Amino acid sequence: MHIVYPAVVSALLFSIGVYGVLARRNTILVLMSVELMLNAVNINLVAFDVWLADALHSGQVLTLFIIVIAAAEVGLGLAIVLALFRNRQSVDLDRLRSLAEPSDHDGSAAQASQPGGDNGARAPAALDTVTSPQLTTRGNGASDQDGGTAQPGHPATRGGSA
């Protein structure tokens, strides 16, 4: 057997896989492209094992290990994709990049970067309290009253509800 034919097929498969990883934005297609690259490596391993007439058949043994690793990669990859789809309703890689960049909605990062500040330290919720003779409402929405619950529209409650 001539070694050029499987090497060319392997190079083409690997090139298609690299293009798929770099150009695609769909996570499923990127996983399929990685599988193409692994299969190209498998073709090379088996072809060179046959061409070199290895007595131990180490290329074929390595191919079996790569197949097992590829199966594990598919299982984990699809589980991660399904979890991301449940949370984000998309498997588009450009939309998933926001996972790496935390958004700060309360402004504590801007407060922490001010010189002379307290590095973003915030008062505990127990200190953030509004009191009245009948009702005590804490900053976390919990309310205490002697023998009852907060009444909607009561002046001490925030937002008109308990």
N, C-alpha and C. Protein backbone atom coordinates (compact mmCIF):
# COMPACT_ATOMS: atom_id res chain seq x y z
N MET A 1 0.85 -1.17 0.00
CA MET A 1 0.00 0.00 0.00
C MET A 1 0.90 1.25 0.00
N HIS A 2 0.53 2.19 -0.80
CA HIS A 2 1.28 3.44 -0.90
C HIS A 2 0.80 4.38 0.20
N ILE A 3 1.72 5.04 0.89
CA ILE A 3 1.40 5.85 2.06
C ILE A 3 0.82 7.22 1.69
N VAL A 4 0.96 7.64 0.43
CA VAL A 4 0.53 8.99 0.04
C VAL A 4 -0.99 9.12 0.08
N TYR A 5 -1.72 8.10 -0.36
CA TYR A 5 -3.18 8.22 -0.44
C TYR A 5 -3.84 8.42 0.93
N PRO A 6 -3.55 7.58 1.91
CA PRO A 6 -4.15 7.86 3.22
C PRO A 6 -3.64 9.16 3.85
N ALA A 7 -2.40 9.54 3.56
CA ALA A 7 -1.88 10.79 4.11
C ALA A 7 -2.60 12.00 3.52
N VAL A 8 -2.91 11.95 2.22
CA VAL A 8 -3.65 13.05 1.58
C VAL A 8 -5.07 13.12 2.11
N VAL A 9 -5.73 11.97 2.24
CA VAL A 9 -7.10 11.95 2.77
C VAL A 9 -7.10 12.48 4.21
N SER A 10 -6.11 12.07 4.98
CA SER A 10 -6.00 12.54 6.35
C SER A 10 -5.76 14.04 6.41
N ALA A 11 -4.90 14.54 5.55
CA ALA A 11 -4.63 15.99 5.53
C ALA A 11 -5.88 16.77 5.14
N LEU A 12 -6.65 16.25 4.18
CA LEU A 12 -7.89 16.92 3.78
C LEU A 12 -8.90 16.92 4.92
N LEU A 13 -9.06 15.78 5.59
CA LEU A 13 -9.99 15.72 6.72
C LEU A 13 -9.56 16.66 7.84
N PHE A 14 -8.28 16.68 8.14
CA PHE A 14 -7.79 17.55 9.19
C PHE A 14 -7.99 19.02 8.82
N SER A 15 -7.76 19.37 7.56
CA SER A 15 -7.95 20.75 7.10
C SER A 15 -9.41 21.17 7.20
N ILE A 16 -10.32 20.27 6.83
CA ILE A 16 -11.75 20.57 6.95
C ILE A 16 -12.12 20.77 8.43
N GLY A 17 -11.54 19.94 9.30
CA GLY A 17 -11.80 20.08 10.73
C GLY A 17 -11.29 21.39 11.29
N VAL A 18 -10.10 21.80 10.89
CA VAL A 18 -9.55 23.07 11.36
C VAL A 18 -10.40 24.23 10.87
N TYR A 19 -10.83 24.17 9.60
CA TYR A 19 -11.70 25.21 9.06
C TYR A 19 -13.01 25.27 9.86
N GLY A 20 -13.56 24.11 10.17
CA GLY A 20 -14.81 24.08 10.93
C GLY A 20 -14.67 24.65 12.33
N VAL A 21 -13.55 24.39 12.99
CA VAL A 21 -13.34 24.93 14.33
C VAL A 21 -13.16 26.44 14.28
N LEU A 22 -12.45 26.93 13.27
CA LEU A 22 -12.16 28.36 13.21
C LEU A 22 -13.30 29.19 12.64
N ALA A 23 -14.08 28.64 11.72
CA ALA A 23 -15.07 29.43 11.01
C ALA A 23 -16.49 29.28 11.55
N ARG A 24 -16.81 28.18 12.18
CA ARG A 24 -18.19 27.95 12.61
C ARG A 24 -18.46 28.61 13.95
N ARG A 25 -19.70 29.02 14.14
CA ARG A 25 -20.12 29.62 15.40
C ARG A 25 -21.08 28.70 16.16
N ASN A 26 -21.54 27.65 15.55
CA ASN A 26 -22.45 26.72 16.20
C ASN A 26 -21.62 25.70 16.98
N THR A 27 -21.94 25.50 18.24
CA THR A 27 -21.15 24.63 19.09
C THR A 27 -21.17 23.19 18.61
N ILE A 28 -22.30 22.72 18.12
CA ILE A 28 -22.41 21.35 17.63
C ILE A 28 -21.49 21.15 16.42
N LEU A 29 -21.46 22.10 15.53
CA LEU A 29 -20.59 21.99 14.36
C LEU A 29 -19.11 22.05 14.74
N VAL A 30 -18.78 22.80 15.77
CA VAL A 30 -17.40 22.84 16.24
C VAL A 30 -17.00 21.48 16.82
N LEU A 31 -17.91 20.85 17.58
CA LEU A 31 -17.63 19.52 18.11
C LEU A 31 -17.47 18.50 16.98
N MET A 32 -18.28 18.62 15.94
CA MET A 32 -18.15 17.71 14.79
C MET A 32 -16.82 17.93 14.08
N SER A 33 -16.38 19.17 14.02
CA SER A 33 -15.09 19.46 13.38
C SER A 33 -13.93 18.89 14.18
N VAL A 34 -14.03 18.92 15.50
CA VAL A 34 -13.00 18.31 16.33
C VAL A 34 -12.97 16.80 16.10
N GLU A 35 -14.13 16.19 15.93
CA GLU A 35 -14.20 14.76 15.64
C GLU A 35 -13.55 14.44 14.28
N LEU A 36 -13.75 15.31 13.30
CA LEU A 36 -13.08 15.12 12.00
C LEU A 36 -11.56 15.16 12.16
N MET A 37 -11.08 16.07 12.98
CA MET A 37 -9.64 16.15 13.19
C MET A 37 -9.11 14.90 13.88
N LEU A 38 -9.84 14.39 14.86
CA LEU A 38 -9.42 13.16 15.53
C LEU A 38 -9.44 11.97 14.58
N ASN A 39 -10.43 11.91 13.70
CA ASN A 39 -10.47 10.82 12.73
C ASN A 39 -9.35 10.91 11.70
N ALA A 40 -8.93 12.13 11.37
CA ALA A 40 -7.79 12.28 10.47
C ALA A 40 -6.52 11.74 11.12
N VAL A 41 -6.37 12.00 12.41
CA VAL A 41 -5.21 11.46 13.14
C VAL A 41 -5.28 9.94 13.17
N ASN A 42 -6.48 9.39 13.36
CA ASN A 42 -6.64 7.93 13.38
C ASN A 42 -6.23 7.30 12.05
N ILE A 43 -6.63 7.94 10.96
CA ILE A 43 -6.25 7.42 9.63
C ILE A 43 -4.73 7.41 9.49
N ASN A 44 -4.08 8.48 9.92
CA ASN A 44 -2.62 8.53 9.85
C ASN A 44 -1.97 7.46 10.70
N LEU A 45 -2.47 7.26 11.90
CA LEU A 45 -1.89 6.25 12.78
C LEU A 45 -1.98 4.85 12.19
N VAL A 46 -3.14 4.50 11.67
CA VAL A 46 -3.32 3.16 11.09
C VAL A 46 -2.51 3.02 9.81
N ALA A 47 -2.49 4.06 8.97
CA ALA A 47 -1.75 3.97 7.72
C ALA A 47 -0.25 3.81 7.97
N PHE A 48 0.30 4.58 8.89
CA PHE A 48 1.72 4.46 9.16
C PHE A 48 2.05 3.16 9.89
N ASP A 49 1.09 2.65 10.69
CA ASP A 49 1.31 1.36 11.34
C ASP A 49 1.41 0.25 10.29
N VAL A 50 0.55 0.29 9.30
CA VAL A 50 0.60 -0.72 8.23
C VAL A 50 1.84 -0.52 7.37
N TRP A 51 2.18 0.71 7.06
CA TRP A 51 3.31 0.99 6.17
C TRP A 51 4.64 0.58 6.82
N LEU A 52 4.77 0.80 8.13
CA LEU A 52 6.00 0.45 8.82
C LEU A 52 6.04 -1.02 9.25
N ALA A 53 4.93 -1.72 9.12
CA ALA A 53 4.81 -3.13 9.50
C ALA A 53 5.25 -3.35 10.94
N ASP A 54 4.67 -2.57 11.82
CA ASP A 54 4.99 -2.65 13.24
C ASP A 54 4.48 -3.96 13.82
N ALA A 55 5.35 -4.68 14.50
CA ALA A 55 4.96 -5.98 15.07
C ALA A 55 4.01 -5.81 16.26
N LEU A 56 4.12 -4.70 16.97
CA LEU A 56 3.24 -4.48 18.13
C LEU A 56 1.92 -3.82 17.77
N HIS A 57 1.80 -3.33 16.55
CA HIS A 57 0.60 -2.63 16.07
C HIS A 57 0.25 -1.46 16.99
N SER A 58 1.25 -0.69 17.34
CA SER A 58 1.05 0.42 18.27
C SER A 58 0.18 1.52 17.68
N GLY A 59 0.21 1.72 16.38
CA GLY A 59 -0.66 2.72 15.74
C GLY A 59 -2.13 2.35 15.90
N GLN A 60 -2.44 1.06 15.77
CA GLN A 60 -3.82 0.63 15.91
C GLN A 60 -4.27 0.71 17.37
N VAL A 61 -3.37 0.42 18.29
CA VAL A 61 -3.70 0.53 19.71
C VAL A 61 -3.95 2.00 20.08
N LEU A 62 -3.11 2.89 19.60
CA LEU A 62 -3.33 4.31 19.84
C LEU A 62 -4.64 4.79 19.23
N THR A 63 -5.00 4.23 18.08
CA THR A 63 -6.27 4.57 17.46
C THR A 63 -7.44 4.18 18.34
N LEU A 64 -7.37 3.02 18.97
CA LEU A 64 -8.43 2.61 19.89
C LEU A 64 -8.54 3.57 21.07
N PHE A 65 -7.40 4.01 21.60
CA PHE A 65 -7.43 4.97 22.70
C PHE A 65 -8.05 6.30 22.25
N ILE A 66 -7.74 6.74 21.06
CA ILE A 66 -8.30 7.99 20.56
C ILE A 66 -9.80 7.86 20.35
N ILE A 67 -10.26 6.70 19.90
CA ILE A 67 -11.70 6.49 19.74
C ILE A 67 -12.41 6.57 21.09
N VAL A 68 -11.81 5.99 22.12
CA VAL A 68 -12.41 6.07 23.47
C VAL A 68 -12.44 7.51 23.96
N ILE A 69 -11.35 8.23 23.76
CA ILE A 69 -11.30 9.64 24.19
C ILE A 69 -12.31 10.47 23.41
N ALA A 70 -12.47 10.18 22.12
CA ALA A 70 -13.44 10.91 21.31
C ALA A 70 -14.87 10.64 21.78
N ALA A 71 -15.16 9.40 22.17
CA ALA A 71 -16.49 9.09 22.67
C ALA A 71 -16.77 9.84 23.98
N ALA A 72 -15.77 9.90 24.85
CA ALA A 72 -15.93 10.65 26.10
C ALA A 72 -16.11 12.14 25.82
N GLU A 73 -15.37 12.64 24.85
CA GLU A 73 -15.47 14.05 24.49
C GLU A 73 -16.85 14.38 23.94
N VAL A 74 -17.41 13.48 23.16
CA VAL A 74 -18.75 13.71 22.61
C VAL A 74 -19.78 13.71 23.74
N GLY A 75 -19.65 12.78 24.66
CA GLY A 75 -20.60 12.72 25.77
C GLY A 75 -20.56 13.96 26.63
N LEU A 76 -19.36 14.38 27.03
CA LEU A 76 -19.23 15.58 27.85
C LEU A 76 -19.60 16.85 27.08
N GLY A 77 -19.16 16.91 25.83
CA GLY A 77 -19.46 18.09 25.01
C GLY A 77 -20.95 18.28 24.81
N LEU A 78 -21.66 17.21 24.50
CA LEU A 78 -23.10 17.34 24.30
C LEU A 78 -23.83 17.65 25.60
N ALA A 79 -23.34 17.13 26.72
CA ALA A 79 -23.95 17.46 28.01
C ALA A 79 -23.78 18.95 28.31
N ILE A 80 -22.60 19.48 28.03
CA ILE A 80 -22.36 20.91 28.25
C ILE A 80 -23.21 21.74 27.30
N VAL A 81 -23.32 21.32 26.05
CA VAL A 81 -24.13 22.06 25.08
C VAL A 81 -25.60 22.06 25.50
N LEU A 82 -26.11 20.93 25.96
CA LEU A 82 -27.50 20.87 26.41
C LEU A 82 -27.72 21.76 27.63
N ALA A 83 -26.79 21.78 28.55
CA ALA A 83 -26.92 22.65 29.73
C ALA A 83 -26.89 24.12 29.32
N LEU A 84 -26.01 24.48 28.40
CA LEU A 84 -25.97 25.87 27.92
C LEU A 84 -27.23 26.24 27.17
N PHE A 85 -27.77 25.30 26.40
CA PHE A 85 -29.00 25.59 25.66
C PHE A 85 -30.17 25.78 26.61
N ARG A 86 -30.21 25.02 27.68
CA ARG A 86 -31.29 25.19 28.65
C ARG A 86 -31.21 26.55 29.33
N ASN A 87 -30.00 27.03 29.58
CA ASN A 87 -29.84 28.31 30.27
C ASN A 87 -29.91 29.50 29.34
N ARG A 88 -29.35 29.38 28.15
CA ARG A 88 -29.22 30.53 27.23
C ARG A 88 -30.13 30.47 26.01
N GLN A 89 -30.77 29.35 25.73
CA GLN A 89 -31.61 29.13 24.56
C GLN A 89 -30.87 29.38 23.25
N SER A 90 -29.57 29.11 23.26
CA SER A 90 -28.76 29.26 22.07
C SER A 90 -27.49 28.43 22.22
N VAL A 91 -26.99 27.92 21.08
CA VAL A 91 -25.70 27.25 21.08
C VAL A 91 -24.71 28.01 20.20
N ASP A 92 -24.99 29.28 19.95
CA ASP A 92 -24.11 30.13 19.16
C ASP A 92 -22.93 30.56 20.02
N LEU A 93 -21.71 30.30 19.55
CA LEU A 93 -20.52 30.59 20.35
C LEU A 93 -20.32 32.08 20.60
N ASP A 94 -20.72 32.94 19.67
CA ASP A 94 -20.56 34.37 19.88
C ASP A 94 -21.44 34.87 21.02
N ARG A 95 -22.61 34.30 21.17
CA ARG A 95 -23.50 34.70 22.25
C ARG A 95 -23.07 34.11 23.59
N LEU A 96 -22.30 33.03 23.56
CA LEU A 96 -21.86 32.39 24.79
C LEU A 96 -20.59 33.01 25.34
N ARG A 97 -19.96 33.89 24.62
CA ARG A 97 -18.73 34.51 25.11
C ARG A 97 -19.00 35.42 26.30
N SER A 98 -20.23 35.84 26.49
CA SER A 98 -20.55 36.69 27.63
C SER A 98 -20.41 35.94 28.94
N LEU A 99 -20.29 34.61 28.92
CA LEU A 99 -20.07 33.85 30.14
C LEU A 99 -18.72 34.16 30.75
N ALA A 100 -17.73 34.48 29.95
CA ALA A 100 -16.39 34.75 30.44
C ALA A 100 -16.26 36.17 30.97
N GLU A 101 -17.17 37.05 30.63
CA GLU A 101 -17.09 38.44 31.04
C GLU A 101 -18.23 38.72 32.01
N PRO A 102 -17.96 38.73 33.32
CA PRO A 102 -19.05 38.98 34.26
C PRO A 102 -19.53 40.41 34.16
N SER A 103 -20.83 40.59 34.18
CA SER A 103 -21.39 41.94 34.14
C SER A 103 -21.70 42.36 35.56
N ASP A 104 -21.39 43.60 35.88
CA ASP A 104 -21.57 44.11 37.23
C ASP A 104 -22.71 45.12 37.19
N HIS A 105 -23.88 44.72 37.66
CA HIS A 105 -25.05 45.58 37.58
C HIS A 105 -25.19 46.51 38.77
N ASP A 106 -24.58 46.19 39.93
CA ASP A 106 -24.75 47.02 41.10
C ASP A 106 -23.69 48.11 41.23
N GLY A 107 -22.70 48.14 40.35
CA GLY A 107 -21.69 49.19 40.35
C GLY A 107 -20.62 49.03 41.39
N SER A 108 -20.50 47.86 42.00
CA SER A 108 -19.48 47.69 43.03
C SER A 108 -18.08 47.72 42.44
N ALA A 109 -17.92 47.37 41.18
CA ALA A 109 -16.59 47.43 40.56
C ALA A 109 -16.15 48.88 40.39
N ALA A 110 -17.08 49.76 40.02
CA ALA A 110 -16.73 51.17 39.89
C ALA A 110 -16.45 51.77 41.26
N GLN A 111 -17.19 51.33 42.27
CA GLN A 111 -16.96 51.83 43.62
C GLN A 111 -15.62 51.34 44.15
N ALA A 112 -15.22 50.13 43.81
CA ALA A 112 -13.97 49.57 44.30
C ALA A 112 -12.77 50.25 43.66
N SER A 113 -12.94 50.79 42.46
CA SER A 113 -11.81 51.38 41.77
C SER A 113 -11.59 52.84 42.14
N GLN A 114 -12.49 53.44 42.95
CA GLN A 114 -12.32 54.82 43.33
C GLN A 114 -11.23 54.94 44.40
N PRO A 115 -10.35 55.94 44.25
CA PRO A 115 -9.30 56.10 45.26
C PRO A 115 -9.90 56.57 46.58
N GLY A 116 -9.37 56.04 47.68
CA GLY A 116 -9.84 56.42 49.00
C GLY A 116 -11.13 55.73 49.40
N GLY A 117 -11.63 54.86 48.57
CA GLY A 117 -12.87 54.15 48.89
C GLY A 117 -12.59 52.99 49.81
N ASP A 118 -13.65 52.26 50.10
CA ASP A 118 -13.50 51.13 50.99
C ASP A 118 -13.43 49.82 50.21
N ASN A 119 -12.89 49.87 48.98
CA ASN A 119 -12.70 48.70 48.13
C ASN A 119 -13.99 47.94 47.89
N GLY A 120 -15.09 48.65 47.75
CA GLY A 120 -16.35 48.02 47.40
C GLY A 120 -17.03 47.32 48.56
N ALA A 121 -16.59 47.55 49.79
CA ALA A 121 -17.24 46.90 50.93
C ALA A 121 -18.64 47.47 51.08
N ARG A 122 -19.58 46.61 51.36
CA ARG A 122 -20.96 47.01 51.45
C ARG A 122 -21.47 46.72 52.84
N ALA A 123 -22.36 47.54 53.33
CA ALA A 123 -22.93 47.33 54.65
C ALA A 123 -23.77 46.07 54.66
N PRO A 124 -23.77 45.33 55.75
CA PRO A 124 -24.60 44.14 55.83
C PRO A 124 -26.08 44.50 55.71
N ALA A 125 -26.90 43.53 55.30
CA ALA A 125 -28.33 43.76 55.10
C ALA A 125 -29.01 44.13 56.41
N ALA A 126 -28.51 43.66 57.55
CA ALA A 126 -29.15 43.96 58.83
C ALA A 126 -29.06 45.45 59.15
N LEU A 127 -28.04 46.15 58.66
CA LEU A 127 -27.90 47.57 58.92
C LEU A 127 -28.77 48.40 57.99
N ASP A 128 -29.21 47.83 56.90
CA ASP A 128 -30.06 48.52 55.94
C ASP A 128 -31.51 48.29 56.35
N THR A 129 -31.97 49.02 57.36
CA THR A 129 -33.27 48.73 57.96
C THR A 129 -34.12 49.99 58.03
N VAL A 130 -35.39 49.84 57.71
CA VAL A 130 -36.36 50.90 57.88
C VAL A 130 -37.27 50.48 59.02
N THR A 131 -37.47 51.37 59.99
CA THR A 131 -38.28 50.99 61.15
C THR A 131 -39.48 51.90 61.31
N SER A 132 -40.52 51.36 61.89
CA SER A 132 -41.69 52.10 62.31
C SER A 132 -42.17 51.45 63.60
N PRO A 133 -43.07 52.06 64.33
CA PRO A 133 -43.49 51.45 65.59
C PRO A 133 -44.11 50.07 65.43
N GLN A 134 -44.84 49.78 64.33
CA GLN A 134 -45.50 48.50 64.19
C GLN A 134 -44.73 47.51 63.33
N LEU A 135 -43.88 47.99 62.47
CA LEU A 135 -43.30 47.13 61.45
C LEU A 135 -41.82 47.42 61.26
N THR A 136 -41.04 46.39 61.11
CA THR A 136 -39.63 46.52 60.78
C THR A 136 -39.40 45.79 59.47
N THR A 137 -38.90 46.47 58.46
CA THR A 137 -38.63 45.85 57.17
C THR A 137 -37.14 45.89 56.93
N ARG A 138 -36.53 44.73 56.68
CA ARG A 138 -35.10 44.66 56.40
C ARG A 138 -34.86 44.84 54.92
N GLY A 139 -33.61 45.13 54.57
CA GLY A 139 -33.25 45.35 53.18
C GLY A 139 -33.39 44.13 52.30
N ASN A 140 -33.45 42.93 52.88
CA ASN A 140 -33.58 41.73 52.06
C ASN A 140 -35.02 41.34 51.82
N GLY A 141 -35.98 42.16 52.23
CA GLY A 141 -37.38 41.88 51.95
C GLY A 141 -38.09 41.17 53.08
N ALA A 142 -37.39 40.72 54.12
CA ALA A 142 -38.04 40.06 55.25
C ALA A 142 -38.66 41.11 56.14
N SER A 143 -39.78 40.80 56.76
CA SER A 143 -40.43 41.76 57.62
C SER A 143 -40.86 41.10 58.91
N ASP A 144 -40.83 41.87 59.98
CA ASP A 144 -41.23 41.41 61.30
C ASP A 144 -42.33 42.33 61.81
N GLN A 145 -43.34 41.77 62.46
CA GLN A 145 -44.39 42.56 63.04
C GLN A 145 -44.92 41.80 64.24
N ASP A 146 -45.38 42.48 65.24
CA ASP A 146 -45.91 41.82 66.42
C ASP A 146 -47.23 41.14 66.08
N GLY A 147 -47.21 39.82 65.90
CA GLY A 147 -48.42 39.05 65.71
C GLY A 147 -49.01 39.07 64.31
N GLY A 148 -48.34 39.54 63.30
CA GLY A 148 -48.92 39.56 61.97
C GLY A 148 -47.88 39.74 60.90
N THR A 149 -48.31 40.01 59.69
CA THR A 149 -47.40 40.23 58.57
C THR A 149 -47.58 41.64 58.06
N ALA A 150 -46.67 42.05 57.21
CA ALA A 150 -46.73 43.40 56.65
C ALA A 150 -47.95 43.55 55.76
N GLN A 151 -48.56 44.72 55.83
CA GLN A 151 -49.74 45.01 55.03
C GLN A 151 -49.31 45.69 53.73
N PRO A 152 -49.89 45.30 52.60
CA PRO A 152 -49.55 45.99 51.35
C PRO A 152 -49.90 47.47 51.45
N GLY A 153 -49.02 48.30 51.00
CA GLY A 153 -49.25 49.73 51.02
C GLY A 153 -48.87 50.39 52.33
N HIS A 154 -48.40 49.63 53.29
CA HIS A 154 -47.98 50.20 54.57
C HIS A 154 -46.77 51.10 54.32
N PRO A 155 -46.69 52.26 54.96
CA PRO A 155 -45.60 53.19 54.65
C PRO A 155 -44.20 52.64 54.94
N ALA A 156 -44.06 51.66 55.81
CA ALA A 156 -42.73 51.16 56.12
C ALA A 156 -42.27 50.08 55.16
N THR A 157 -43.17 49.54 54.34
CA THR A 157 -42.77 48.47 53.42
C THR A 157 -42.26 49.08 52.12
N ARG A 158 -41.33 48.42 51.50
CA ARG A 158 -40.76 48.92 50.23
C ARG A 158 -41.59 48.38 49.08
N GLY A 159 -41.95 49.23 48.18
CA GLY A 159 -42.67 48.79 46.98
C GLY A 159 -44.13 48.44 47.25
N GLY A 160 -44.61 48.65 48.44
CA GLY A 160 -46.03 48.42 48.71
C GLY A 160 -46.40 46.99 48.99
N SER A 161 -45.45 46.06 49.02
CA SER A 161 -45.78 44.65 49.32
C SER A 161 -44.70 44.06 50.19
N ALA A 162 -45.06 42.99 50.90
CA ALA A 162 -44.10 42.36 51.81
C ALA A 162 -43.26 41.35 51.10
